[in-house]
Amino acid sequence: MPKLLKSVRHLCSLIETGKGFVTAKTLAKIADVLNVDVFKLFLVKNDDNLDLFYQNILKKVEKYKNNKEKLVLLDAFLNAL
């Protein structure tokens, strides 16, 4: 798990600076850890209601409050934004 987190942080940095791209293998690993289908990583909602987005995010995070592995990964991902 720590190795994956380090990879995710590094990958986010490369993508943000335009020096790298995510691979299908990495997307599959991220989706597996988050327990979602890969296509869900690409879903974009066309809704301008920021409060609704925030409430939806909180509901999703609540499901993982007792799952240390997923919370650590989520924390690393959010820190990389």
Protein backbone atom coordinates (compact mmCIF):
# COMPACT_ATOMS: atom_id res chain seq x y z
CA MET A 1 0.00 0.00 0.00
CA PRO A 2 2.69 2.60 0.82
CA LYS A 3 4.37 1.87 -2.51
CA LEU A 4 1.08 2.48 -4.34
CA LEU A 5 0.55 5.75 -2.44
CA LYS A 6 4.02 6.94 -3.37
CA SER A 7 3.30 6.04 -7.00
CA VAL A 8 -0.02 7.91 -6.95
CA ARG A 9 1.59 11.05 -5.51
CA HIS A 10 4.42 10.92 -8.03
CA LEU A 11 2.01 10.28 -10.91
CA CYS A 12 -0.24 13.19 -9.91
CA SER A 13 2.80 15.45 -9.85
CA LEU A 14 3.89 14.33 -13.31
CA ILE A 15 0.39 14.76 -14.76
CA GLU A 16 -0.02 18.22 -13.23
CA THR A 17 3.27 19.39 -14.73
CA GLY A 18 2.56 17.80 -18.12
CA LYS A 19 5.52 15.46 -17.79
CA GLY A 20 3.60 12.21 -17.50
CA PHE A 21 0.42 10.35 -18.19
CA VAL A 22 -1.54 7.71 -16.33
CA THR A 23 -1.41 4.17 -17.68
CA ALA A 24 -4.30 1.75 -17.90
CA LYS A 25 -2.50 -0.44 -15.36
CA THR A 26 -2.26 2.42 -12.86
CA LEU A 27 -5.90 3.38 -13.39
CA ALA A 28 -6.88 -0.22 -12.73
CA LYS A 29 -4.87 -0.26 -9.48
CA ILE A 30 -6.41 3.00 -8.28
CA ALA A 31 -9.91 1.81 -9.14
CA ASP A 32 -9.26 -1.49 -7.37
CA VAL A 33 -8.12 0.20 -4.17
CA LEU A 34 -11.10 2.56 -4.29
CA ASN A 35 -13.41 -0.38 -5.10
CA VAL A 36 -14.94 1.29 -8.17
CA ASP A 37 -15.06 0.52 -11.88
CA VAL A 38 -12.36 2.33 -13.89
CA PHE A 39 -14.93 4.23 -15.95
CA LYS A 40 -16.24 5.88 -12.78
CA LEU A 41 -12.89 7.68 -12.45
CA PHE A 42 -13.84 9.61 -15.59
CA LEU A 43 -17.41 10.55 -14.78
CA VAL A 44 -18.00 14.28 -14.72
CA LYS A 45 -21.20 15.79 -13.44
CA ASN A 46 -22.47 18.93 -15.13
CA ASP A 47 -23.87 20.52 -12.01
CA ASP A 48 -22.93 23.95 -10.76
CA ASN A 49 -24.24 23.31 -7.25
CA LEU A 50 -21.01 23.12 -5.22
CA ASP A 51 -22.87 22.28 -2.03
CA LEU A 52 -24.34 19.21 -3.73
CA PHE A 53 -20.88 18.11 -4.85
CA TYR A 54 -19.56 18.61 -1.32
CA GLN A 55 -22.41 16.64 0.27
CA ASN A 56 -21.94 13.77 -2.21
CA ILE A 57 -18.23 13.64 -1.43
CA LEU A 58 -18.88 13.57 2.31
CA LYS A 59 -21.35 10.68 1.89
CA LYS A 60 -18.79 8.69 -0.07
CA VAL A 61 -16.00 9.36 2.44
CA GLU A 62 -18.28 8.35 5.32
CA LYS A 63 -18.41 4.80 3.89
CA TYR A 64 -14.65 4.48 4.41
CA LYS A 65 -14.30 5.99 7.88
CA ASN A 66 -13.28 2.60 9.32
CA ASN A 67 -11.09 1.52 6.40
CA LYS A 68 -7.56 2.76 7.11
CA GLU A 69 -6.15 1.64 3.76
CA LYS A 70 -8.73 3.55 1.74
CA LEU A 71 -8.58 6.63 3.97
CA VAL A 72 -4.79 6.77 3.62
CA LEU A 73 -5.10 6.52 -0.16
CA LEU A 74 -7.84 9.14 -0.25
CA ASP A 75 -5.78 11.46 1.93
CA ALA A 76 -2.77 11.08 -0.38
CA PHE A 77 -4.92 11.71 -3.42
CA LEU A 78 -6.50 14.84 -1.93
CA ASN A 79 -3.11 16.15 -0.83
CA ALA A 80 -1.86 15.76 -4.39
CA LEU A 81 -4.63 17.97 -5.80
